[in-house]
Amino acid sequence: MLLCATASKAKCCDPAEGLETWNELKRLLRNLGLENEQRQEGIVLRSKVDCLRVCERGPILVVWPEGIWYANVTSNKIETILRSHIINNQPVEQWIYKTTPFQIGPLQSA
């Protein structure tokens, strides 16, 4: 998971709101056991990023490898996203900004 949470230029969201969302994400990942390396489905990793180059509707949360981008992810939306998308494998359709699935293709030779 990548969260554009503390943008230095504050174009996509208020930095205080981004930081609050980041702190809630960390708390919930821990409390829901999603950071547990022994978790059968695997550990959920998170990274706070400065900018995802969207510059609107932030905080923006990207869930890989599905490539689902959520917009306006405030601290009160994080739990719903984690429980629905991450735990129950049901993305929260009404909050999806865009989808860019990660694909591995053949290597191109020069």
PDB file of N, CA and C in Angstrom:
ATOM      1  N   MET A   1       0.848  -1.165   0.000  1.00  0.00           N
ATOM      2  CA  MET A   1       0.000   0.000   0.000  1.00  0.00           C
ATOM      3  C   MET A   1       0.893   1.227   0.000  1.00  0.00           C
ATOM      4  N   LEU A   2       0.570   2.170  -0.872  1.00  0.00           N
ATOM      5  CA  LEU A   2       1.267   3.451  -0.913  1.00  0.00           C
ATOM      6  C   LEU A   2       0.252   4.530  -0.557  1.00  0.00           C
ATOM      7  N   LEU A   3       0.607   5.409   0.349  1.00  0.00           N
ATOM      8  CA  LEU A   3      -0.286   6.493   0.740  1.00  0.00           C
ATOM      9  C   LEU A   3       0.417   7.818   0.551  1.00  0.00           C
ATOM     10  N   CYS A   4      -0.118   8.630  -0.349  1.00  0.00           N
ATOM     11  CA  CYS A   4       0.358   9.995  -0.532  1.00  0.00           C
ATOM     12  C   CYS A   4      -0.238  10.790   0.626  1.00  0.00           C
ATOM     13  N   ALA A   5       0.581  11.010   1.639  1.00  0.00           N
ATOM     14  CA  ALA A   5       0.034  11.504   2.896  1.00  0.00           C
ATOM     15  C   ALA A   5       0.605  12.825   3.366  1.00  0.00           C
ATOM     16  N   THR A   6       1.811  13.138   3.008  1.00  0.00           N
ATOM     17  CA  THR A   6       2.421  14.366   3.525  1.00  0.00           C
ATOM     18  C   THR A   6       3.107  15.116   2.387  1.00  0.00           C
ATOM     19  N   ALA A   7       2.332  15.465   1.423  1.00  0.00           N
ATOM     20  CA  ALA A   7       2.879  16.160   0.262  1.00  0.00           C
ATOM     21  C   ALA A   7       3.519  17.478   0.676  1.00  0.00           C
ATOM     22  N   SER A   8       4.747  17.695   0.246  1.00  0.00           N
ATOM     23  CA  SER A   8       5.465  18.906   0.630  1.00  0.00           C
ATOM     24  C   SER A   8       4.851  20.157   0.022  1.00  0.00           C
ATOM     25  N   LYS A   9       4.208  20.030  -1.132  1.00  0.00           N
ATOM     26  CA  LYS A   9       3.580  21.185  -1.765  1.00  0.00           C
ATOM     27  C   LYS A   9       2.096  21.292  -1.445  1.00  0.00           C
ATOM     28  N   ALA A  10       1.551  20.309  -0.766  1.00  0.00           N
ATOM     29  CA  ALA A  10       0.148  20.310  -0.318  1.00  0.00           C
ATOM     30  C   ALA A  10      -0.835  20.586  -1.438  1.00  0.00           C
ATOM     31  N   LYS A  11      -0.574  20.034  -2.614  1.00  0.00           N
ATOM     32  CA  LYS A  11      -1.495  20.231  -3.737  1.00  0.00           C
ATOM     33  C   LYS A  11      -2.688  19.283  -3.684  1.00  0.00           C
ATOM     34  N   CYS A  12      -2.467  18.064  -3.184  1.00  0.00           N
ATOM     35  CA  CYS A  12      -3.551  17.087  -3.232  1.00  0.00           C
ATOM     36  C   CYS A  12      -4.389  17.062  -1.963  1.00  0.00           C
ATOM     37  N   CYS A  13      -3.772  17.420  -0.839  1.00  0.00           N
ATOM     38  CA  CYS A  13      -4.520  17.379   0.418  1.00  0.00           C
ATOM     39  C   CYS A  13      -3.821  18.237   1.466  1.00  0.00           C
ATOM     40  N   ASP A  14      -4.549  18.521   2.506  1.00  0.00           N
ATOM     41  CA  ASP A  14      -3.991  19.209   3.664  1.00  0.00           C
ATOM     42  C   ASP A  14      -2.995  18.258   4.331  1.00  0.00           C
ATOM     43  N   PRO A  15      -1.743  18.675   4.533  1.00  0.00           N
ATOM     44  CA  PRO A  15      -0.751  17.783   5.140  1.00  0.00           C
ATOM     45  C   PRO A  15      -1.172  17.228   6.505  1.00  0.00           C
ATOM     46  N   ALA A  16      -1.903  17.989   7.284  1.00  0.00           N
ATOM     47  CA  ALA A  16      -2.366  17.496   8.592  1.00  0.00           C
ATOM     48  C   ALA A  16      -3.353  16.345   8.408  1.00  0.00           C
ATOM     49  N   GLU A  17      -4.240  16.475   7.433  1.00  0.00           N
ATOM     50  CA  GLU A  17      -5.196  15.406   7.143  1.00  0.00           C
ATOM     51  C   GLU A  17      -4.464  14.168   6.626  1.00  0.00           C
ATOM     52  N   GLY A  18      -3.460  14.373   5.784  1.00  0.00           N
ATOM     53  CA  GLY A  18      -2.669  13.259   5.284  1.00  0.00           C
ATOM     54  C   GLY A  18      -1.954  12.522   6.398  1.00  0.00           C
ATOM     55  N   LEU A  19      -1.362  13.256   7.319  1.00  0.00           N
ATOM     56  CA  LEU A  19      -0.658  12.644   8.439  1.00  0.00           C
ATOM     57  C   LEU A  19      -1.625  11.880   9.346  1.00  0.00           C
ATOM     58  N   GLU A  20      -2.796  12.437   9.571  1.00  0.00           N
ATOM     59  CA  GLU A  20      -3.813  11.753  10.380  1.00  0.00           C
ATOM     60  C   GLU A  20      -4.217  10.432   9.717  1.00  0.00           C
ATOM     61  N   THR A  21      -4.375  10.458   8.390  1.00  0.00           N
ATOM     62  CA  THR A  21      -4.730   9.247   7.649  1.00  0.00           C
ATOM     63  C   THR A  21      -3.614   8.222   7.750  1.00  0.00           C
ATOM     64  N   TRP A  22      -2.359   8.667   7.602  1.00  0.00           N
ATOM     65  CA  TRP A  22      -1.212   7.771   7.707  1.00  0.00           C
ATOM     66  C   TRP A  22      -1.157   7.112   9.083  1.00  0.00           C
ATOM     67  N   ASN A  23      -1.334   7.895  10.127  1.00  0.00           N
ATOM     68  CA  ASN A  23      -1.293   7.353  11.479  1.00  0.00           C
ATOM     69  C   ASN A  23      -2.404   6.332  11.714  1.00  0.00           C
ATOM     70  N   GLU A  24      -3.575   6.599  11.148  1.00  0.00           N
ATOM     71  CA  GLU A  24      -4.690   5.660  11.285  1.00  0.00           C
ATOM     72  C   GLU A  24      -4.406   4.374  10.506  1.00  0.00           C
ATOM     73  N   LEU A  25      -3.814   4.489   9.337  1.00  0.00           N
ATOM     74  CA  LEU A  25      -3.442   3.305   8.560  1.00  0.00           C
ATOM     75  C   LEU A  25      -2.471   2.433   9.350  1.00  0.00           C
ATOM     76  N   LYS A  26      -1.441   3.029   9.909  1.00  0.00           N
ATOM     77  CA  LYS A  26      -0.469   2.271  10.702  1.00  0.00           C
ATOM     78  C   LYS A  26      -1.142   1.576  11.884  1.00  0.00           C
ATOM     79  N   ARG A  27      -1.978   2.307  12.601  1.00  0.00           N
ATOM     80  CA  ARG A  27      -2.661   1.760  13.783  1.00  0.00           C
ATOM     81  C   ARG A  27      -3.539   0.571  13.406  1.00  0.00           C
ATOM     82  N   LEU A  28      -4.316   0.734  12.334  1.00  0.00           N
ATOM     83  CA  LEU A  28      -5.243  -0.331  11.944  1.00  0.00           C
ATOM     84  C   LEU A  28      -4.519  -1.559  11.389  1.00  0.00           C
ATOM     85  N   LEU A  29      -3.470  -1.359  10.617  1.00  0.00           N
ATOM     86  CA  LEU A  29      -2.711  -2.511  10.114  1.00  0.00           C
ATOM     87  C   LEU A  29      -2.199  -3.352  11.272  1.00  0.00           C
ATOM     88  N   ARG A  30      -1.716  -2.687  12.291  1.00  0.00           N
ATOM     89  CA  ARG A  30      -1.208  -3.368  13.483  1.00  0.00           C
ATOM     90  C   ARG A  30      -2.358  -4.048  14.243  1.00  0.00           C
ATOM     91  N   ASN A  31      -3.429  -3.291  14.514  1.00  0.00           N
ATOM     92  CA  ASN A  31      -4.536  -3.809  15.322  1.00  0.00           C
ATOM     93  C   ASN A  31      -5.311  -4.934  14.639  1.00  0.00           C
ATOM     94  N   LEU A  32      -5.364  -4.913  13.304  1.00  0.00           N
ATOM     95  CA  LEU A  32      -6.083  -5.954  12.571  1.00  0.00           C
ATOM     96  C   LEU A  32      -5.192  -7.158  12.256  1.00  0.00           C
ATOM     97  N   GLY A  33      -3.945  -7.113  12.699  1.00  0.00           N
ATOM     98  CA  GLY A  33      -3.037  -8.230  12.488  1.00  0.00           C
ATOM     99  C   GLY A  33      -2.516  -8.350  11.068  1.00  0.00           C
ATOM    100  N   LEU A  34      -2.617  -7.286  10.285  1.00  0.00           N
ATOM    101  CA  LEU A  34      -2.209  -7.345   8.882  1.00  0.00           C
ATOM    102  C   LEU A  34      -0.704  -7.196   8.699  1.00  0.00           C
ATOM    103  N   GLU A  35       0.009  -6.787   9.748  1.00  0.00           N
ATOM    104  CA  GLU A  35       1.468  -6.682   9.693  1.00  0.00           C
ATOM    105  C   GLU A  35       2.150  -7.950  10.193  1.00  0.00           C
ATOM    106  N   ASN A  36       1.367  -8.922  10.585  1.00  0.00           N
ATOM    107  CA  ASN A  36       1.890 -10.169  11.127  1.00  0.00           C
ATOM    108  C   ASN A  36       2.522 -11.004  10.010  1.00  0.00           C
ATOM    109  N   GLU A  37       3.818 -11.261  10.123  1.00  0.00           N
ATOM    110  CA  GLU A  37       4.529 -12.032   9.110  1.00  0.00           C
ATOM    111  C   GLU A  37       4.021 -13.467   9.018  1.00  0.00           C
ATOM    112  N   GLN A  38       3.348 -13.960  10.047  1.00  0.00           N
ATOM    113  CA  GLN A  38       2.807 -15.318  10.050  1.00  0.00           C
ATOM    114  C   GLN A  38       1.401 -15.389   9.446  1.00  0.00           C
ATOM    115  N   ARG A  39       0.857 -14.256   9.041  1.00  0.00           N
ATOM    116  CA  ARG A  39      -0.492 -14.204   8.458  1.00  0.00           C
ATOM    117  C   ARG A  39      -0.537 -15.079   7.214  1.00  0.00           C
ATOM    118  N   GLN A  40      -1.532 -15.946   7.134  1.00  0.00           N
ATOM    119  CA  GLN A  40      -1.638 -16.911   6.041  1.00  0.00           C
ATOM    120  C   GLN A  40      -1.645 -16.232   4.668  1.00  0.00           C
ATOM    121  N   GLU A  41      -2.334 -15.105   4.540  1.00  0.00           N
ATOM    122  CA  GLU A  41      -2.433 -14.405   3.256  1.00  0.00           C
ATOM    123  C   GLU A  41      -1.192 -13.569   2.958  1.00  0.00           C
ATOM    124  N   GLY A  42      -0.305 -13.438   3.912  1.00  0.00           N
ATOM    125  CA  GLY A  42       0.898 -12.641   3.752  1.00  0.00           C
ATOM    126  C   GLY A  42       0.785 -11.306   4.472  1.00  0.00           C
ATOM    127  N   ILE A  43       1.927 -10.718   4.689  1.00  0.00           N
ATOM    128  CA  ILE A  43       2.003  -9.441   5.382  1.00  0.00           C
ATOM    129  C   ILE A  43       1.550  -8.307   4.448  1.00  0.00           C
ATOM    130  N   VAL A  44       0.914  -7.308   5.009  1.00  0.00           N
ATOM    131  CA  VAL A  44       0.534  -6.111   4.255  1.00  0.00           C
ATOM    132  C   VAL A  44       1.592  -5.049   4.529  1.00  0.00           C
ATOM    133  N   LEU A  45       2.268  -4.620   3.483  1.00  0.00           N
ATOM    134  CA  LEU A  45       3.303  -3.606   3.610  1.00  0.00           C
ATOM    135  C   LEU A  45       2.721  -2.242   3.279  1.00  0.00           C
ATOM    136  N   ARG A  46       3.283  -1.217   3.887  1.00  0.00           N
ATOM    137  CA  ARG A  46       2.802   0.149   3.662  1.00  0.00           C
ATOM    138  C   ARG A  46       3.986   1.074   3.512  1.00  0.00           C
ATOM    139  N   SER A  47       3.798   2.097   2.692  1.00  0.00           N
ATOM    140  CA  SER A  47       4.810   3.140   2.538  1.00  0.00           C
ATOM    141  C   SER A  47       4.112   4.486   2.414  1.00  0.00           C
ATOM    142  N   LYS A  48       4.666   5.461   3.117  1.00  0.00           N
ATOM    143  CA  LYS A  48       4.178   6.836   3.012  1.00  0.00           C
ATOM    144  C   LYS A  48       5.006   7.502   1.923  1.00  0.00           C
ATOM    145  N   VAL A  49       4.328   8.125   0.978  1.00  0.00           N
ATOM    146  CA  VAL A  49       5.032   8.796  -0.108  1.00  0.00           C
ATOM    147  C   VAL A  49       4.679  10.271  -0.120  1.00  0.00           C
ATOM    148  N   ASP A  50       5.576  11.048  -0.657  1.00  0.00           N
ATOM    149  CA  ASP A  50       5.365  12.495  -0.727  1.00  0.00           C
ATOM    150  C   ASP A  50       4.387  12.849  -1.840  1.00  0.00           C
ATOM    151  N   CYS A  51       4.477  12.169  -2.974  1.00  0.00           N
ATOM    152  CA  CYS A  51       3.648  12.554  -4.112  1.00  0.00           C
ATOM    153  C   CYS A  51       3.462  11.366  -5.045  1.00  0.00           C
ATOM    154  N   LEU A  52       2.223  11.186  -5.505  1.00  0.00           N
ATOM    155  CA  LEU A  52       1.915  10.172  -6.510  1.00  0.00           C
ATOM    156  C   LEU A  52       1.548  10.820  -7.845  1.00  0.00           C
ATOM    157  N   ARG A  53       1.783  12.126  -7.950  1.00  0.00           N
ATOM    158  CA  ARG A  53       1.579  12.917  -9.161  1.00  0.00           C
ATOM    159  C   ARG A  53       0.127  12.994  -9.621  1.00  0.00           C
ATOM    160  N   VAL A  54      -0.788  12.900  -8.685  1.00  0.00           N
ATOM    161  CA  VAL A  54      -2.196  13.085  -9.003  1.00  0.00           C
ATOM    162  C   VAL A  54      -2.587  14.534  -8.730  1.00  0.00           C
ATOM    163  N   CYS A  55      -2.113  15.078  -7.622  1.00  0.00           N
ATOM    164  CA  CYS A  55      -2.291  16.487  -7.244  1.00  0.00           C
ATOM    165  C   CYS A  55      -3.741  16.924  -7.130  1.00  0.00           C
ATOM    166  N   GLU A  56      -4.593  16.016  -6.765  1.00  0.00           N
ATOM    167  CA  GLU A  56      -5.986  16.342  -6.486  1.00  0.00           C
ATOM    168  C   GLU A  56      -6.619  15.174  -5.745  1.00  0.00           C
ATOM    169  N   ARG A  57      -7.676  15.437  -5.038  1.00  0.00           N
ATOM    170  CA  ARG A  57      -8.491  14.413  -4.383  1.00  0.00           C
ATOM    171  C   ARG A  57      -7.728  13.526  -3.404  1.00  0.00           C
ATOM    172  N   GLY A  58      -6.701  14.078  -2.769  1.00  0.00           N
ATOM    173  CA  GLY A  58      -5.917  13.298  -1.819  1.00  0.00           C
ATOM    174  C   GLY A  58      -6.484  13.375  -0.422  1.00  0.00           C
ATOM    175  N   PRO A  59      -5.945  12.605   0.473  1.00  0.00           N
ATOM    176  CA  PRO A  59      -4.893  11.629   0.301  1.00  0.00           C
ATOM    177  C   PRO A  59      -5.291  10.520  -0.682  1.00  0.00           C
ATOM    178  N   ILE A  60      -4.297  10.047  -1.417  1.00  0.00           N
ATOM    179  CA  ILE A  60      -4.473   8.973  -2.389  1.00  0.00           C
ATOM    180  C   ILE A  60      -3.828   7.718  -1.821  1.00  0.00           C
ATOM    181  N   LEU A  61      -4.540   6.597  -1.910  1.00  0.00           N
ATOM    182  CA  LEU A  61      -4.028   5.308  -1.454  1.00  0.00           C
ATOM    183  C   LEU A  61      -3.989   4.361  -2.641  1.00  0.00           C
ATOM    184  N   VAL A  62      -2.832   3.743  -2.889  1.00  0.00           N
ATOM    185  CA  VAL A  62      -2.693   2.768  -3.967  1.00  0.00           C
ATOM    186  C   VAL A  62      -2.483   1.396  -3.356  1.00  0.00           C
ATOM    187  N   VAL A  63      -3.275   0.436  -3.809  1.00  0.00           N
ATOM    188  CA  VAL A  63      -3.168  -0.943  -3.345  1.00  0.00           C
ATOM    189  C   VAL A  63      -2.602  -1.776  -4.489  1.00  0.00           C
ATOM    190  N   TRP A  64      -1.409  -2.353  -4.236  1.00  0.00           N
ATOM    191  CA  TRP A  64      -0.750  -3.213  -5.218  1.00  0.00           C
ATOM    192  C   TRP A  64      -0.875  -4.659  -4.791  1.00  0.00           C
ATOM    193  N   PRO A  65      -0.897  -5.627  -5.668  1.00  0.00           N
ATOM    194  CA  PRO A  65      -0.607  -5.512  -7.094  1.00  0.00           C
ATOM    195  C   PRO A  65      -1.825  -5.189  -7.942  1.00  0.00           C
ATOM    196  N   GLU A  66      -3.014  -5.062  -7.325  1.00  0.00           N
ATOM    197  CA  GLU A  66      -4.214  -4.788  -8.112  1.00  0.00           C
ATOM    198  C   GLU A  66      -4.152  -3.443  -8.833  1.00  0.00           C
ATOM    199  N   GLY A  67      -3.384  -2.499  -8.278  1.00  0.00           N
ATOM    200  CA  GLY A  67      -3.287  -1.182  -8.881  1.00  0.00           C
ATOM    201  C   GLY A  67      -4.555  -0.372  -8.709  1.00  0.00           C
ATOM    202  N   ILE A  68      -5.188  -0.510  -7.567  1.00  0.00           N
ATOM    203  CA  ILE A  68      -6.409   0.245  -7.289  1.00  0.00           C
ATOM    204  C   ILE A  68      -6.033   1.501  -6.524  1.00  0.00           C
ATOM    205  N   TRP A  69      -6.436   2.656  -7.068  1.00  0.00           N
ATOM    206  CA  TRP A  69      -6.153   3.967  -6.497  1.00  0.00           C
ATOM    207  C   TRP A  69      -7.438   4.489  -5.858  1.00  0.00           C
ATOM    208  N   TYR A  70      -7.379   4.754  -4.560  1.00  0.00           N
ATOM    209  CA  TYR A  70      -8.509   5.338  -3.840  1.00  0.00           C
ATOM    210  C   TYR A  70      -8.262   6.826  -3.646  1.00  0.00           C
ATOM    211  N   ALA A  71      -9.294   7.623  -3.830  1.00  0.00           N
ATOM    212  CA  ALA A  71      -9.199   9.075  -3.665  1.00  0.00           C
ATOM    213  C   ALA A  71      -9.863   9.510  -2.365  1.00  0.00           C
ATOM    214  N   ASN A  72      -9.454  10.680  -1.887  1.00  0.00           N
ATOM    215  CA  ASN A  72     -10.046  11.283  -0.684  1.00  0.00           C
ATOM    216  C   ASN A  72     -10.051  10.316   0.499  1.00  0.00           C
ATOM    217  N   VAL A  73      -8.922   9.648   0.707  1.00  0.00           N
ATOM    218  CA  VAL A  73      -8.830   8.637   1.757  1.00  0.00           C
ATOM    219  C   VAL A  73      -8.501   9.317   3.084  1.00  0.00           C
ATOM    220  N   THR A  74      -9.537   9.724   3.761  1.00  0.00           N
ATOM    221  CA  THR A  74      -9.374  10.322   5.081  1.00  0.00           C
ATOM    222  C   THR A  74      -9.293   9.213   6.123  1.00  0.00           C
ATOM    223  N   SER A  75      -8.934   9.578   7.326  1.00  0.00           N
ATOM    224  CA  SER A  75      -8.758   8.581   8.387  1.00  0.00           C
ATOM    225  C   SER A  75     -10.031   7.782   8.657  1.00  0.00           C
ATOM    226  N   ASN A  76     -11.195   8.357   8.376  1.00  0.00           N
ATOM    227  CA  ASN A  76     -12.436   7.615   8.636  1.00  0.00           C
ATOM    228  C   ASN A  76     -12.776   6.616   7.530  1.00  0.00           C
ATOM    229  N   LYS A  77     -12.033   6.600   6.424  1.00  0.00           N
ATOM    230  CA  LYS A  77     -12.273   5.627   5.346  1.00  0.00           C
ATOM    231  C   LYS A  77     -11.312   4.444   5.392  1.00  0.00           C
ATOM    232  N   ILE A  78     -10.195   4.596   6.075  1.00  0.00           N
ATOM    233  CA  ILE A  78      -9.155   3.567   6.068  1.00  0.00           C
ATOM    234  C   ILE A  78      -9.673   2.216   6.557  1.00  0.00           C
ATOM    235  N   GLU A  79     -10.390   2.196   7.649  1.00  0.00           N
ATOM    236  CA  GLU A  79     -10.850   0.912   8.191  1.00  0.00           C
ATOM    237  C   GLU A  79     -11.764   0.195   7.212  1.00  0.00           C
ATOM    238  N   THR A  80     -12.665   0.920   6.568  1.00  0.00           N
ATOM    239  CA  THR A  80     -13.556   0.309   5.584  1.00  0.00           C
ATOM    240  C   THR A  80     -12.757  -0.295   4.436  1.00  0.00           C
ATOM    241  N   ILE A  81     -11.762   0.428   3.942  1.00  0.00           N
ATOM    242  CA  ILE A  81     -10.927  -0.079   2.844  1.00  0.00           C
ATOM    243  C   ILE A  81     -10.173  -1.328   3.280  1.00  0.00           C
ATOM    244  N   LEU A  82      -9.582  -1.305   4.465  1.00  0.00           N
ATOM    245  CA  LEU A  82      -8.834  -2.467   4.940  1.00  0.00           C
ATOM    246  C   LEU A  82      -9.736  -3.685   5.123  1.00  0.00           C
ATOM    247  N   ARG A  83     -10.871  -3.490   5.766  1.00  0.00           N
ATOM    248  CA  ARG A  83     -11.759  -4.635   6.021  1.00  0.00           C
ATOM    249  C   ARG A  83     -12.372  -5.177   4.733  1.00  0.00           C
ATOM    250  N   SER A  84     -12.814  -4.295   3.857  1.00  0.00           N
ATOM    251  CA  SER A  84     -13.465  -4.735   2.627  1.00  0.00           C
ATOM    252  C   SER A  84     -12.463  -5.224   1.588  1.00  0.00           C
ATOM    253  N   HIS A  85     -11.501  -4.381   1.249  1.00  0.00           N
ATOM    254  CA  HIS A  85     -10.577  -4.703   0.159  1.00  0.00           C
ATOM    255  C   HIS A  85      -9.477  -5.673   0.583  1.00  0.00           C
ATOM    256  N   ILE A  86      -8.777  -5.366   1.646  1.00  0.00           N
ATOM    257  CA  ILE A  86      -7.616  -6.162   2.025  1.00  0.00           C
ATOM    258  C   ILE A  86      -8.019  -7.480   2.696  1.00  0.00           C
ATOM    259  N   ILE A  87      -8.934  -7.440   3.628  1.00  0.00           N
ATOM    260  CA  ILE A  87      -9.315  -8.662   4.345  1.00  0.00           C
ATOM    261  C   ILE A  87     -10.308  -9.504   3.549  1.00  0.00           C
ATOM    262  N   ASN A  88     -11.333  -8.870   2.957  1.00  0.00           N
ATOM    263  CA  ASN A  88     -12.385  -9.621   2.262  1.00  0.00           C
ATOM    264  C   ASN A  88     -12.265  -9.612   0.740  1.00  0.00           C
ATOM    265  N   ASN A  89     -11.189  -9.019   0.217  1.00  0.00           N
ATOM    266  CA  ASN A  89     -10.927  -9.001  -1.222  1.00  0.00           C
ATOM    267  C   ASN A  89     -12.070  -8.383  -2.039  1.00  0.00           C
ATOM    268  N   GLN A  90     -12.719  -7.359  -1.459  1.00  0.00           N
ATOM    269  CA  GLN A  90     -13.807  -6.659  -2.130  1.00  0.00           C
ATOM    270  C   GLN A  90     -13.475  -5.167  -2.177  1.00  0.00           C
ATOM    271  N   PRO A  91     -12.883  -4.682  -3.276  1.00  0.00           N
ATOM    272  CA  PRO A  91     -12.574  -3.252  -3.367  1.00  0.00           C
ATOM    273  C   PRO A  91     -13.823  -2.390  -3.117  1.00  0.00           C
ATOM    274  N   VAL A  92     -13.600  -1.212  -2.581  1.00  0.00           N
ATOM    275  CA  VAL A  92     -14.695  -0.287  -2.279  1.00  0.00           C
ATOM    276  C   VAL A  92     -14.904   0.572  -3.526  1.00  0.00           C
ATOM    277  N   GLU A  93     -15.783   0.109  -4.398  1.00  0.00           N
ATOM    278  CA  GLU A  93     -15.965   0.685  -5.733  1.00  0.00           C
ATOM    279  C   GLU A  93     -16.219   2.187  -5.734  1.00  0.00           C
ATOM    280  N   GLN A  94     -17.039   2.688  -4.823  1.00  0.00           N
ATOM    281  CA  GLN A  94     -17.422   4.102  -4.860  1.00  0.00           C
ATOM    282  C   GLN A  94     -16.276   5.048  -4.543  1.00  0.00           C
ATOM    283  N   TRP A  95     -15.182   4.547  -3.988  1.00  0.00           N
ATOM    284  CA  TRP A  95     -14.041   5.403  -3.653  1.00  0.00           C
ATOM    285  C   TRP A  95     -12.865   5.239  -4.612  1.00  0.00           C
ATOM    286  N   ILE A  96     -13.004   4.348  -5.604  1.00  0.00           N
ATOM    287  CA  ILE A  96     -11.898   4.107  -6.539  1.00  0.00           C
ATOM    288  C   ILE A  96     -11.763   5.283  -7.498  1.00  0.00           C
ATOM    289  N   TYR A  97     -10.549   5.805  -7.581  1.00  0.00           N
ATOM    290  CA  TYR A  97     -10.208   6.914  -8.475  1.00  0.00           C
ATOM    291  C   TYR A  97      -9.821   6.392  -9.858  1.00  0.00           C
ATOM    292  N   LYS A  98      -8.957   5.365  -9.871  1.00  0.00           N
ATOM    293  CA  LYS A  98      -8.578   4.721 -11.118  1.00  0.00           C
ATOM    294  C   LYS A  98      -7.952   3.371 -10.799  1.00  0.00           C
ATOM    295  N   THR A  99      -7.759   2.573 -11.857  1.00  0.00           N
ATOM    296  CA  THR A  99      -7.161   1.257 -11.706  1.00  0.00           C
ATOM    297  C   THR A  99      -6.036   1.103 -12.719  1.00  0.00           C
ATOM    298  N   THR A 100      -4.867   0.725 -12.229  1.00  0.00           N
ATOM    299  CA  THR A 100      -3.703   0.494 -13.088  1.00  0.00           C
ATOM    300  C   THR A 100      -3.027  -0.791 -12.624  1.00  0.00           C
ATOM    301  N   PRO A 101      -3.546  -1.950 -13.031  1.00  0.00           N
ATOM    302  CA  PRO A 101      -2.998  -3.227 -12.550  1.00  0.00           C
ATOM    303  C   PRO A 101      -1.527  -3.401 -12.902  1.00  0.00           C
ATOM    304  N   PHE A 102      -0.799  -3.984 -11.977  1.00  0.00           N
ATOM    305  CA  PHE A 102       0.609  -4.284 -12.195  1.00  0.00           C
ATOM    306  C   PHE A 102       0.690  -5.510 -13.092  1.00  0.00           C
ATOM    307  N   GLN A 103       1.456  -5.388 -14.162  1.00  0.00           N
ATOM    308  CA  GLN A 103       1.606  -6.513 -15.080  1.00  0.00           C
ATOM    309  C   GLN A 103       3.076  -6.761 -15.341  1.00  0.00           C
ATOM    310  N   ILE A 104       3.436  -8.011 -15.381  1.00  0.00           N
ATOM    311  CA  ILE A 104       4.789  -8.381 -15.732  1.00  0.00           C
ATOM    312  C   ILE A 104       4.755  -8.904 -17.151  1.00  0.00           C
ATOM    313  N   GLY A 105       5.520  -8.284 -18.003  1.00  0.00           N
ATOM    314  CA  GLY A 105       5.560  -8.703 -19.400  1.00  0.00           C
ATOM    315  C   GLY A 105       6.961  -9.165 -19.760  1.00  0.00           C
ATOM    316  N   PRO A 106       7.121  -9.561 -20.998  1.00  0.00           N
ATOM    317  CA  PRO A 106       8.449 -10.004 -21.442  1.00  0.00           C
ATOM    318  C   PRO A 106       9.419  -8.832 -21.447  1.00  0.00           C
ATOM    319  N   LEU A 107      10.664  -9.138 -21.139  1.00  0.00           N
ATOM    320  CA  LEU A 107      11.702  -8.108 -21.172  1.00  0.00           C
ATOM    321  C   LEU A 107      11.983  -7.702 -22.613  1.00  0.00           C
ATOM    322  N   GLN A 108      12.157  -6.433 -22.830  1.00  0.00           N
ATOM    323  CA  GLN A 108      12.476  -5.912 -24.155  1.00  0.00           C
ATOM    324  C   GLN A 108      13.990  -5.842 -24.306  1.00  0.00           C
ATOM    325  N   SER A 109      14.492  -6.324 -25.403  1.00  0.00           N
ATOM    326  CA  SER A 109      15.931  -6.214 -25.628  1.00  0.00           C
ATOM    327  C   SER A 109      16.201  -4.964 -26.456  1.00  0.00           C
ATOM    328  N   ALA A 110      17.361  -4.366 -26.214  1.00  0.00           N
ATOM    329  CA  ALA A 110      17.706  -3.115 -26.892  1.00  0.00           C
ATOM    330  C   ALA A 110      18.200  -3.350 -28.293  1.00  0.00           C
TER     331      ALA A 110
END
